[in-house]
Amino acid sequence: ANDYQQANNKRNNKIYTYKGKTQTLTIWCRELNLPYST
């Protein structure tokens, strides 16, 4: 895995379900083109 994959596969990640899909906040922000910090 690359660094991005490793970072999204940690126990301390917050996982969110939205519209029937579950993933980390980082992945949601990338997918929805939203600033992570906001």
PDB file of all heavy atoms in Angstrom:
ATOM      1  N   ALA A   1       0.823  -1.203   0.000  1.00  0.00           N
ATOM      2  CA  ALA A   1       0.000   0.000   0.000  1.00  0.00           C
ATOM      3  C   ALA A   1       0.860   1.257   0.000  1.00  0.00           C
ATOM      4  O   ALA A   1       1.957   1.276   0.555  1.00  0.00           O
ATOM      5  CB  ALA A   1      -0.899  -0.001   1.227  1.00  0.00           C
ATOM      6  N   ASN A   2       0.309   2.310  -0.600  1.00  0.00           N
ATOM      7  CA  ASN A   2       1.003   3.603  -0.565  1.00  0.00           C
ATOM      8  C   ASN A   2       0.627   4.330   0.726  1.00  0.00           C
ATOM      9  O   ASN A   2      -0.181   3.845   1.520  1.00  0.00           O
ATOM     10  CB  ASN A   2       0.660   4.433  -1.810  1.00  0.00           C
ATOM     11  CG  ASN A   2      -0.819   4.746  -1.933  1.00  0.00           C
ATOM     12  OD1 ASN A   2      -1.535   4.893  -0.946  1.00  0.00           O
ATOM     13  ND2 ASN A   2      -1.288   4.844  -3.172  1.00  0.00           N
ATOM     14  N   ASP A   3       1.210   5.494   0.953  1.00  0.00           N
ATOM     15  CA  ASP A   3       0.974   6.239   2.195  1.00  0.00           C
ATOM     16  C   ASP A   3      -0.501   6.599   2.379  1.00  0.00           C
ATOM     17  O   ASP A   3      -1.025   6.559   3.485  1.00  0.00           O
ATOM     18  CB  ASP A   3       1.829   7.511   2.226  1.00  0.00           C
ATOM     19  CG  ASP A   3       3.307   7.225   2.364  1.00  0.00           C
ATOM     20  OD1 ASP A   3       3.662   6.098   2.763  1.00  0.00           O
ATOM     21  OD2 ASP A   3       4.114   8.124   2.078  1.00  0.00           O
ATOM     22  N   TYR A   4      -1.164   6.967   1.300  1.00  0.00           N
ATOM     23  CA  TYR A   4      -2.580   7.334   1.362  1.00  0.00           C
ATOM     24  C   TYR A   4      -3.422   6.139   1.821  1.00  0.00           C
ATOM     25  O   TYR A   4      -4.269   6.276   2.703  1.00  0.00           O
ATOM     26  CB  TYR A   4      -3.031   7.825  -0.015  1.00  0.00           C
ATOM     27  CG  TYR A   4      -4.504   8.119  -0.105  1.00  0.00           C
ATOM     28  CD1 TYR A   4      -5.040   9.273   0.461  1.00  0.00           C
ATOM     29  CD2 TYR A   4      -5.369   7.255  -0.768  1.00  0.00           C
ATOM     30  CE1 TYR A   4      -6.391   9.550   0.385  1.00  0.00           C
ATOM     31  CE2 TYR A   4      -6.720   7.523  -0.854  1.00  0.00           C
ATOM     32  CZ  TYR A   4      -7.225   8.672  -0.280  1.00  0.00           C
ATOM     33  OH  TYR A   4      -8.564   8.935  -0.358  1.00  0.00           O
ATOM     34  N   GLN A   5      -3.184   4.976   1.245  1.00  0.00           N
ATOM     35  CA  GLN A   5      -3.922   3.771   1.641  1.00  0.00           C
ATOM     36  C   GLN A   5      -3.631   3.415   3.097  1.00  0.00           C
ATOM     37  O   GLN A   5      -4.538   3.059   3.848  1.00  0.00           O
ATOM     38  CB  GLN A   5      -3.556   2.597   0.737  1.00  0.00           C
ATOM     39  CG  GLN A   5      -4.051   2.746  -0.680  1.00  0.00           C
ATOM     40  CD  GLN A   5      -3.428   1.712  -1.600  1.00  0.00           C
ATOM     41  OE1 GLN A   5      -2.209   1.522  -1.604  1.00  0.00           O
ATOM     42  NE2 GLN A   5      -4.264   1.035  -2.359  1.00  0.00           N
ATOM     43  N   GLN A   6      -2.358   3.497   3.481  1.00  0.00           N
ATOM     44  CA  GLN A   6      -1.980   3.190   4.865  1.00  0.00           C
ATOM     45  C   GLN A   6      -2.697   4.119   5.840  1.00  0.00           C
ATOM     46  O   GLN A   6      -3.219   3.684   6.857  1.00  0.00           O
ATOM     47  CB  GLN A   6      -0.467   3.332   5.051  1.00  0.00           C
ATOM     48  CG  GLN A   6       0.338   2.257   4.392  1.00  0.00           C
ATOM     49  CD  GLN A   6       0.730   1.157   5.356  1.00  0.00           C
ATOM     50  OE1 GLN A   6       0.387   1.178   6.525  1.00  0.00           O
ATOM     51  NE2 GLN A   6       1.462   0.191   4.864  1.00  0.00           N
ATOM     52  N   ALA A   7      -2.728   5.405   5.542  1.00  0.00           N
ATOM     53  CA  ALA A   7      -3.345   6.380   6.435  1.00  0.00           C
ATOM     54  C   ALA A   7      -4.852   6.163   6.587  1.00  0.00           C
ATOM     55  O   ALA A   7      -5.426   6.491   7.616  1.00  0.00           O
ATOM     56  CB  ALA A   7      -3.076   7.796   5.936  1.00  0.00           C
ATOM     57  N   ASN A   8      -5.472   5.603   5.578  1.00  0.00           N
ATOM     58  CA  ASN A   8      -6.908   5.358   5.635  1.00  0.00           C
ATOM     59  C   ASN A   8      -7.258   3.981   6.153  1.00  0.00           C
ATOM     60  O   ASN A   8      -8.422   3.589   6.135  1.00  0.00           O
ATOM     61  CB  ASN A   8      -7.535   5.589   4.259  1.00  0.00           C
ATOM     62  CG  ASN A   8      -7.782   7.048   4.043  1.00  0.00           C
ATOM     63  OD1 ASN A   8      -8.669   7.622   4.662  1.00  0.00           O
ATOM     64  ND2 ASN A   8      -6.958   7.666   3.230  1.00  0.00           N
ATOM     65  N   ASN A   9      -6.278   3.254   6.640  1.00  0.00           N
ATOM     66  CA  ASN A   9      -6.521   1.921   7.181  1.00  0.00           C
ATOM     67  C   ASN A   9      -5.984   1.834   8.613  1.00  0.00           C
ATOM     68  O   ASN A   9      -5.344   0.878   8.990  1.00  0.00           O
ATOM     69  CB  ASN A   9      -5.863   0.858   6.286  1.00  0.00           C
ATOM     70  CG  ASN A   9      -6.292  -0.535   6.661  1.00  0.00           C
ATOM     71  OD1 ASN A   9      -7.393  -0.763   7.144  1.00  0.00           O
ATOM     72  ND2 ASN A   9      -5.410  -1.505   6.440  1.00  0.00           N
ATOM     73  N   LYS A  10      -6.268   2.875   9.393  1.00  0.00           N
ATOM     74  CA  LYS A  10      -5.823   2.903  10.790  1.00  0.00           C
ATOM     75  C   LYS A  10      -7.025   2.778  11.711  1.00  0.00           C
ATOM     76  O   LYS A  10      -8.126   3.209  11.372  1.00  0.00           O
ATOM     77  CB  LYS A  10      -5.082   4.212  11.091  1.00  0.00           C
ATOM     78  CG  LYS A  10      -3.835   4.406  10.287  1.00  0.00           C
ATOM     79  CD  LYS A  10      -3.048   5.647  10.625  1.00  0.00           C
ATOM     80  CE  LYS A  10      -3.788   6.777  11.256  1.00  0.00           C
ATOM     81  NZ  LYS A  10      -3.038   7.987  11.478  1.00  0.00           N
ATOM     82  N   ARG A  11      -6.813   2.209  12.877  1.00  0.00           N
ATOM     83  CA  ARG A  11      -7.897   2.032  13.843  1.00  0.00           C
ATOM     84  C   ARG A  11      -8.496   3.347  14.325  1.00  0.00           C
ATOM     85  O   ARG A  11      -9.660   3.408  14.665  1.00  0.00           O
ATOM     86  CB  ARG A  11      -7.405   1.251  15.059  1.00  0.00           C
ATOM     87  CG  ARG A  11      -7.234  -0.210  14.810  1.00  0.00           C
ATOM     88  CD  ARG A  11      -6.901  -0.922  16.116  1.00  0.00           C
ATOM     89  NE  ARG A  11      -6.529  -2.287  15.833  1.00  0.00           N
ATOM     90  CZ  ARG A  11      -5.288  -2.719  15.722  1.00  0.00           C
ATOM     91  NH1 ARG A  11      -4.294  -1.884  15.898  1.00  0.00           N
ATOM     92  NH2 ARG A  11      -5.047  -3.968  15.441  1.00  0.00           N
ATOM     93  N   ASN A  12      -7.706   4.405  14.388  1.00  0.00           N
ATOM     94  CA  ASN A  12      -8.204   5.661  14.949  1.00  0.00           C
ATOM     95  C   ASN A  12      -8.913   6.555  13.924  1.00  0.00           C
ATOM     96  O   ASN A  12      -9.311   7.665  14.257  1.00  0.00           O
ATOM     97  CB  ASN A  12      -7.078   6.435  15.642  1.00  0.00           C
ATOM     98  CG  ASN A  12      -6.009   6.902  14.693  1.00  0.00           C
ATOM     99  OD1 ASN A  12      -5.896   6.427  13.574  1.00  0.00           O
ATOM    100  ND2 ASN A  12      -5.192   7.833  15.143  1.00  0.00           N
ATOM    101  N   ASN A  13      -9.095   6.092  12.708  1.00  0.00           N
ATOM    102  CA  ASN A  13      -9.848   6.864  11.720  1.00  0.00           C
ATOM    103  C   ASN A  13     -11.319   6.912  12.093  1.00  0.00           C
ATOM    104  O   ASN A  13     -11.879   5.942  12.586  1.00  0.00           O
ATOM    105  CB  ASN A  13      -9.727   6.247  10.322  1.00  0.00           C
ATOM    106  CG  ASN A  13      -8.477   6.667   9.615  1.00  0.00           C
ATOM    107  OD1 ASN A  13      -7.952   7.731   9.865  1.00  0.00           O
ATOM    108  ND2 ASN A  13      -8.006   5.823   8.720  1.00  0.00           N
ATOM    109  N   LYS A  14     -11.922   8.042  11.852  1.00  0.00           N
ATOM    110  CA  LYS A  14     -13.366   8.175  12.022  1.00  0.00           C
ATOM    111  C   LYS A  14     -14.013   7.697  10.723  1.00  0.00           C
ATOM    112  O   LYS A  14     -13.621   8.116   9.633  1.00  0.00           O
ATOM    113  CB  LYS A  14     -13.762   9.623  12.281  1.00  0.00           C
ATOM    114  CG  LYS A  14     -13.180  10.190  13.542  1.00  0.00           C
ATOM    115  CD  LYS A  14     -13.976   9.749  14.728  1.00  0.00           C
ATOM    116  CE  LYS A  14     -13.467  10.509  15.947  1.00  0.00           C
ATOM    117  NZ  LYS A  14     -14.064  10.089  17.158  1.00  0.00           N
ATOM    118  N   ILE A  15     -15.004   6.838  10.872  1.00  0.00           N
ATOM    119  CA  ILE A  15     -15.700   6.270   9.727  1.00  0.00           C
ATOM    120  C   ILE A  15     -17.112   6.842   9.701  1.00  0.00           C
ATOM    121  O   ILE A  15     -17.792   6.880  10.728  1.00  0.00           O
ATOM    122  CB  ILE A  15     -15.763   4.723   9.832  1.00  0.00           C
ATOM    123  CG1 ILE A  15     -14.366   4.125  10.019  1.00  0.00           C
ATOM    124  CG2 ILE A  15     -16.471   4.123   8.639  1.00  0.00           C
ATOM    125  CD1 ILE A  15     -13.437   4.300   8.856  1.00  0.00           C
ATOM    126  N   TYR A  16     -17.556   7.282   8.538  1.00  0.00           N
ATOM    127  CA  TYR A  16     -18.879   7.871   8.394  1.00  0.00           C
ATOM    128  C   TYR A  16     -19.643   7.167   7.283  1.00  0.00           C
ATOM    129  O   TYR A  16     -19.069   6.813   6.250  1.00  0.00           O
ATOM    130  CB  TYR A  16     -18.781   9.366   8.058  1.00  0.00           C
ATOM    131  CG  TYR A  16     -18.112  10.148   9.156  1.00  0.00           C
ATOM    132  CD1 TYR A  16     -16.747  10.401   9.134  1.00  0.00           C
ATOM    133  CD2 TYR A  16     -18.854  10.626  10.224  1.00  0.00           C
ATOM    134  CE1 TYR A  16     -16.131  11.114  10.151  1.00  0.00           C
ATOM    135  CE2 TYR A  16     -18.242  11.347  11.255  1.00  0.00           C
ATOM    136  CZ  TYR A  16     -16.893  11.583  11.197  1.00  0.00           C
ATOM    137  OH  TYR A  16     -16.288  12.287  12.210  1.00  0.00           O
ATOM    138  N   THR A  17     -20.946   7.000   7.510  1.00  0.00           N
ATOM    139  CA  THR A  17     -21.823   6.431   6.498  1.00  0.00           C
ATOM    140  C   THR A  17     -22.722   7.545   5.990  1.00  0.00           C
ATOM    141  O   THR A  17     -23.332   8.279   6.770  1.00  0.00           O
ATOM    142  CB  THR A  17     -22.674   5.287   7.076  1.00  0.00           C
ATOM    143  OG1 THR A  17     -21.784   4.283   7.577  1.00  0.00           O
ATOM    144  CG2 THR A  17     -23.579   4.683   6.024  1.00  0.00           C
ATOM    145  N   TYR A  18     -22.759   7.674   4.674  1.00  0.00           N
ATOM    146  CA  TYR A  18     -23.525   8.723   4.027  1.00  0.00           C
ATOM    147  C   TYR A  18     -24.052   8.163   2.720  1.00  0.00           C
ATOM    148  O   TYR A  18     -23.289   7.579   1.944  1.00  0.00           O
ATOM    149  CB  TYR A  18     -22.614   9.932   3.802  1.00  0.00           C
ATOM    150  CG  TYR A  18     -23.206  11.103   3.083  1.00  0.00           C
ATOM    151  CD1 TYR A  18     -24.299  11.803   3.598  1.00  0.00           C
ATOM    152  CD2 TYR A  18     -22.664  11.550   1.886  1.00  0.00           C
ATOM    153  CE1 TYR A  18     -24.820  12.907   2.942  1.00  0.00           C
ATOM    154  CE2 TYR A  18     -23.168  12.658   1.230  1.00  0.00           C
ATOM    155  CZ  TYR A  18     -24.250  13.332   1.755  1.00  0.00           C
ATOM    156  OH  TYR A  18     -24.769  14.415   1.110  1.00  0.00           O
ATOM    157  N   LYS A  19     -25.347   8.293   2.522  1.00  0.00           N
ATOM    158  CA  LYS A  19     -25.993   7.778   1.309  1.00  0.00           C
ATOM    159  C   LYS A  19     -25.674   6.306   1.071  1.00  0.00           C
ATOM    160  O   LYS A  19     -25.394   5.883  -0.040  1.00  0.00           O
ATOM    161  CB  LYS A  19     -25.625   8.626   0.100  1.00  0.00           C
ATOM    162  CG  LYS A  19     -26.148  10.048   0.193  1.00  0.00           C
ATOM    163  CD  LYS A  19     -25.902  10.848  -1.061  1.00  0.00           C
ATOM    164  CE  LYS A  19     -26.515  12.238  -0.922  1.00  0.00           C
ATOM    165  NZ  LYS A  19     -26.355  13.037  -2.129  1.00  0.00           N
ATOM    166  N   GLY A  20     -25.650   5.543   2.162  1.00  0.00           N
ATOM    167  CA  GLY A  20     -25.448   4.102   2.073  1.00  0.00           C
ATOM    168  C   GLY A  20     -24.019   3.639   1.876  1.00  0.00           C
ATOM    169  O   GLY A  20     -23.765   2.452   1.702  1.00  0.00           O
ATOM    170  N   LYS A  21     -23.073   4.548   1.929  1.00  0.00           N
ATOM    171  CA  LYS A  21     -21.666   4.214   1.708  1.00  0.00           C
ATOM    172  C   LYS A  21     -20.876   4.578   2.959  1.00  0.00           C
ATOM    173  O   LYS A  21     -21.083   5.645   3.540  1.00  0.00           O
ATOM    174  CB  LYS A  21     -21.160   4.993   0.503  1.00  0.00           C
ATOM    175  CG  LYS A  21     -19.855   4.564  -0.063  1.00  0.00           C
ATOM    176  CD  LYS A  21     -19.616   5.340  -1.357  1.00  0.00           C
ATOM    177  CE  LYS A  21     -18.306   5.027  -1.982  1.00  0.00           C
ATOM    178  NZ  LYS A  21     -18.084   5.813  -3.212  1.00  0.00           N
ATOM    179  N   THR A  22     -19.944   3.725   3.372  1.00  0.00           N
ATOM    180  CA  THR A  22     -19.152   3.944   4.579  1.00  0.00           C
ATOM    181  C   THR A  22     -17.676   4.072   4.218  1.00  0.00           C
ATOM    182  O   THR A  22     -17.136   3.202   3.548  1.00  0.00           O
ATOM    183  CB  THR A  22     -19.358   2.770   5.562  1.00  0.00           C
ATOM    184  OG1 THR A  22     -20.756   2.673   5.861  1.00  0.00           O
ATOM    185  CG2 THR A  22     -18.582   2.972   6.845  1.00  0.00           C
ATOM    186  N   GLN A  23     -17.057   5.168   4.686  1.00  0.00           N
ATOM    187  CA  GLN A  23     -15.626   5.382   4.440  1.00  0.00           C
ATOM    188  C   GLN A  23     -15.089   6.443   5.384  1.00  0.00           C
ATOM    189  O   GLN A  23     -15.843   7.062   6.125  1.00  0.00           O
ATOM    190  CB  GLN A  23     -15.357   5.731   2.976  1.00  0.00           C
ATOM    191  CG  GLN A  23     -16.211   6.807   2.391  1.00  0.00           C
ATOM    192  CD  GLN A  23     -16.152   6.838   0.857  1.00  0.00           C
ATOM    193  OE1 GLN A  23     -15.783   5.887   0.204  1.00  0.00           O
ATOM    194  NE2 GLN A  23     -16.515   7.957   0.289  1.00  0.00           N
ATOM    195  N   THR A  24     -13.789   6.651   5.329  1.00  0.00           N
ATOM    196  CA  THR A  24     -13.148   7.619   6.230  1.00  0.00           C
ATOM    197  C   THR A  24     -13.449   9.047   5.788  1.00  0.00           C
ATOM    198  O   THR A  24     -13.826   9.301   4.642  1.00  0.00           O
ATOM    199  CB  THR A  24     -11.624   7.438   6.262  1.00  0.00           C
ATOM    200  OG1 THR A  24     -11.098   7.751   4.965  1.00  0.00           O
ATOM    201  CG2 THR A  24     -11.217   6.035   6.682  1.00  0.00           C
ATOM    202  N   LEU A  25     -13.238   9.976   6.728  1.00  0.00           N
ATOM    203  CA  LEU A  25     -13.457  11.387   6.426  1.00  0.00           C
ATOM    204  C   LEU A  25     -12.573  11.850   5.275  1.00  0.00           C
ATOM    205  O   LEU A  25     -13.016  12.582   4.393  1.00  0.00           O
ATOM    206  CB  LEU A  25     -13.194  12.238   7.677  1.00  0.00           C
ATOM    207  CG  LEU A  25     -13.421  13.734   7.529  1.00  0.00           C
ATOM    208  CD1 LEU A  25     -14.848  14.032   7.089  1.00  0.00           C
ATOM    209  CD2 LEU A  25     -13.105  14.438   8.830  1.00  0.00           C
ATOM    210  N   THR A  26     -11.337  11.428   5.251  1.00  0.00           N
ATOM    211  CA  THR A  26     -10.421  11.817   4.176  1.00  0.00           C
ATOM    212  C   THR A  26     -10.952  11.392   2.813  1.00  0.00           C
ATOM    213  O   THR A  26     -10.939  12.174   1.863  1.00  0.00           O
ATOM    214  CB  THR A  26      -9.023  11.210   4.411  1.00  0.00           C
ATOM    215  OG1 THR A  26      -8.529  11.690   5.654  1.00  0.00           O
ATOM    216  CG2 THR A  26      -8.062  11.576   3.298  1.00  0.00           C
ATOM    217  N   ILE A  27     -11.418  10.167   2.725  1.00  0.00           N
ATOM    218  CA  ILE A  27     -11.937   9.679   1.448  1.00  0.00           C
ATOM    219  C   ILE A  27     -13.205  10.437   1.063  1.00  0.00           C
ATOM    220  O   ILE A  27     -13.386  10.813  -0.097  1.00  0.00           O
ATOM    221  CB  ILE A  27     -12.158   8.160   1.490  1.00  0.00           C
ATOM    222  CG1 ILE A  27     -10.808   7.453   1.604  1.00  0.00           C
ATOM    223  CG2 ILE A  27     -12.897   7.688   0.246  1.00  0.00           C
ATOM    224  CD1 ILE A  27     -10.895   5.963   1.800  1.00  0.00           C
ATOM    225  N   TRP A  28     -14.086  10.697   2.041  1.00  0.00           N
ATOM    226  CA  TRP A  28     -15.289  11.476   1.734  1.00  0.00           C
ATOM    227  C   TRP A  28     -14.908  12.843   1.187  1.00  0.00           C
ATOM    228  O   TRP A  28     -15.487  13.304   0.197  1.00  0.00           O
ATOM    229  CB  TRP A  28     -16.167  11.633   2.969  1.00  0.00           C
ATOM    230  CG  TRP A  28     -17.078  10.481   3.210  1.00  0.00           C
ATOM    231  CD1 TRP A  28     -17.115   9.678   4.311  1.00  0.00           C
ATOM    232  CD2 TRP A  28     -18.094   9.982   2.336  1.00  0.00           C
ATOM    233  NE1 TRP A  28     -18.074   8.715   4.160  1.00  0.00           N
ATOM    234  CE2 TRP A  28     -18.706   8.881   2.959  1.00  0.00           C
ATOM    235  CE3 TRP A  28     -18.545  10.367   1.079  1.00  0.00           C
ATOM    236  CZ2 TRP A  28     -19.739   8.159   2.379  1.00  0.00           C
ATOM    237  CZ3 TRP A  28     -19.582   9.641   0.495  1.00  0.00           C
ATOM    238  CH2 TRP A  28     -20.166   8.562   1.142  1.00  0.00           C
ATOM    239  N   CYS A  29     -13.969  13.521   1.834  1.00  0.00           N
ATOM    240  CA  CYS A  29     -13.588  14.865   1.398  1.00  0.00           C
ATOM    241  C   CYS A  29     -13.008  14.851  -0.007  1.00  0.00           C
ATOM    242  O   CYS A  29     -13.333  15.728  -0.819  1.00  0.00           O
ATOM    243  CB  CYS A  29     -12.609  15.497   2.388  1.00  0.00           C
ATOM    244  SG  CYS A  29     -13.416  15.935   3.946  1.00  0.00           S
ATOM    245  N   ARG A  30     -12.203  13.863  -0.312  1.00  0.00           N
ATOM    246  CA  ARG A  30     -11.663  13.758  -1.673  1.00  0.00           C
ATOM    247  C   ARG A  30     -12.769  13.481  -2.681  1.00  0.00           C
ATOM    248  O   ARG A  30     -12.818  14.080  -3.748  1.00  0.00           O
ATOM    249  CB  ARG A  30     -10.613  12.651  -1.763  1.00  0.00           C
ATOM    250  CG  ARG A  30      -9.277  13.063  -1.259  1.00  0.00           C
ATOM    251  CD  ARG A  30      -8.256  12.018  -1.601  1.00  0.00           C
ATOM    252  NE  ARG A  30      -6.952  12.473  -1.206  1.00  0.00           N
ATOM    253  CZ  ARG A  30      -5.831  11.975  -1.683  1.00  0.00           C
ATOM    254  NH1 ARG A  30      -5.858  10.993  -2.546  1.00  0.00           N
ATOM    255  NH2 ARG A  30      -4.672  12.451  -1.277  1.00  0.00           N
ATOM    256  N   GLU A  31     -13.639  12.547  -2.333  1.00  0.00           N
ATOM    257  CA  GLU A  31     -14.710  12.158  -3.249  1.00  0.00           C
ATOM    258  C   GLU A  31     -15.685  13.304  -3.504  1.00  0.00           C
ATOM    259  O   GLU A  31     -16.161  13.483  -4.621  1.00  0.00           O
ATOM    260  CB  GLU A  31     -15.460  10.961  -2.669  1.00  0.00           C
ATOM    261  CG  GLU A  31     -16.492  10.373  -3.595  1.00  0.00           C
ATOM    262  CD  GLU A  31     -17.058   9.091  -3.038  1.00  0.00           C
ATOM    263  OE1 GLU A  31     -16.299   8.132  -2.819  1.00  0.00           O
ATOM    264  OE2 GLU A  31     -18.286   9.056  -2.822  1.00  0.00           O
ATOM    265  N   LEU A  32     -15.989  14.088  -2.476  1.00  0.00           N
ATOM    266  CA  LEU A  32     -16.951  15.186  -2.601  1.00  0.00           C
ATOM    267  C   LEU A  32     -16.283  16.523  -2.919  1.00  0.00           C
ATOM    268  O   LEU A  32     -16.955  17.549  -2.997  1.00  0.00           O
ATOM    269  CB  LEU A  32     -17.773  15.303  -1.315  1.00  0.00           C
ATOM    270  CG  LEU A  32     -18.594  14.059  -0.947  1.00  0.00           C
ATOM    271  CD1 LEU A  32     -19.204  14.210   0.450  1.00  0.00           C
ATOM    272  CD2 LEU A  32     -19.663  13.778  -1.993  1.00  0.00           C
ATOM    273  N   ASN A  33     -14.970  16.506  -3.070  1.00  0.00           N
ATOM    274  CA  ASN A  33     -14.187  17.704  -3.374  1.00  0.00           C
ATOM    275  C   ASN A  33     -14.427  18.805  -2.333  1.00  0.00           C
ATOM    276  O   ASN A  33     -14.739  19.945  -2.670  1.00  0.00           O
ATOM    277  CB  ASN A  33     -14.477  18.207  -4.788  1.00  0.00           C
ATOM    278  CG  ASN A  33     -13.436  19.179  -5.270  1.00  0.00           C
ATOM    279  OD1 ASN A  33     -12.273  19.095  -4.884  1.00  0.00           O
ATOM    280  ND2 ASN A  33     -13.839  20.115  -6.107  1.00  0.00           N
ATOM    281  N   LEU A  34     -14.281  18.418  -1.063  1.00  0.00           N
ATOM    282  CA  LEU A  34     -14.482  19.341   0.048  1.00  0.00           C
ATOM    283  C   LEU A  34     -13.189  19.476   0.856  1.00  0.00           C
ATOM    284  O   LEU A  34     -12.439  18.512   0.972  1.00  0.00           O
ATOM    285  CB  LEU A  34     -15.583  18.819   0.976  1.00  0.00           C
ATOM    286  CG  LEU A  34     -16.975  18.733   0.365  1.00  0.00           C
ATOM    287  CD1 LEU A  34     -17.908  17.947   1.276  1.00  0.00           C
ATOM    288  CD2 LEU A  34     -17.523  20.127   0.098  1.00  0.00           C
ATOM    289  N   PRO A  35     -12.932  20.650   1.429  1.00  0.00           N
ATOM    290  CA  PRO A  35     -11.728  20.819   2.240  1.00  0.00           C
ATOM    291  C   PRO A  35     -11.847  20.056   3.568  1.00  0.00           C
ATOM    292  O   PRO A  35     -12.795  20.266   4.332  1.00  0.00           O
ATOM    293  CB  PRO A  35     -11.636  22.324   2.473  1.00  0.00           C
ATOM    294  CG  PRO A  35     -12.992  22.860   2.176  1.00  0.00           C
ATOM    295  CD  PRO A  35     -13.684  21.886   1.278  1.00  0.00           C
ATOM    296  N   TYR A  36     -10.888  19.176   3.806  1.00  0.00           N
ATOM    297  CA  TYR A  36     -10.890  18.342   5.006  1.00  0.00           C
ATOM    298  C   TYR A  36     -11.009  19.191   6.266  1.00  0.00           C
ATOM    299  O   TYR A  36     -11.796  18.879   7.159  1.00  0.00           O
ATOM    300  CB  TYR A  36      -9.614  17.497   5.048  1.00  0.00           C
ATOM    301  CG  TYR A  36      -9.500  16.639   6.276  1.00  0.00           C
ATOM    302  CD1 TYR A  36     -10.000  15.339   6.276  1.00  0.00           C
ATOM    303  CD2 TYR A  36      -8.902  17.116   7.440  1.00  0.00           C
ATOM    304  CE1 TYR A  36      -9.908  14.541   7.399  1.00  0.00           C
ATOM    305  CE2 TYR A  36      -8.814  16.330   8.571  1.00  0.00           C
ATOM    306  CZ  TYR A  36      -9.312  15.038   8.547  1.00  0.00           C
ATOM    307  OH  TYR A  36      -9.236  14.252   9.670  1.00  0.00           O
ATOM    308  N   SER A  37     -10.242  20.275   6.362  1.00  0.00           N
ATOM    309  CA  SER A  37     -10.228  21.084   7.587  1.00  0.00           C
ATOM    310  C   SER A  37     -11.601  21.683   7.882  1.00  0.00           C
ATOM    311  O   SER A  37     -12.011  21.762   9.045  1.00  0.00           O
ATOM    312  CB  SER A  37      -9.170  22.180   7.500  1.00  0.00           C
ATOM    313  OG  SER A  37      -9.430  23.028   6.397  1.00  0.00           O
ATOM    314  N   THR A  38     -12.319  22.095   6.872  1.00  0.00           N
ATOM    315  CA  THR A  38     -13.655  22.665   7.064  1.00  0.00           C
ATOM    316  C   THR A  38     -14.623  21.613   7.584  1.00  0.00           C
ATOM    317  O   THR A  38     -15.368  21.856   8.540  1.00  0.00           O
ATOM    318  CB  THR A  38     -14.193  23.253   5.745  1.00  0.00           C
ATOM    319  OG1 THR A  38     -13.307  24.279   5.302  1.00  0.00           O
ATOM    320  CG2 THR A  38     -15.593  23.807   5.909  1.00  0.00           C
TER     321      THR A  38
END
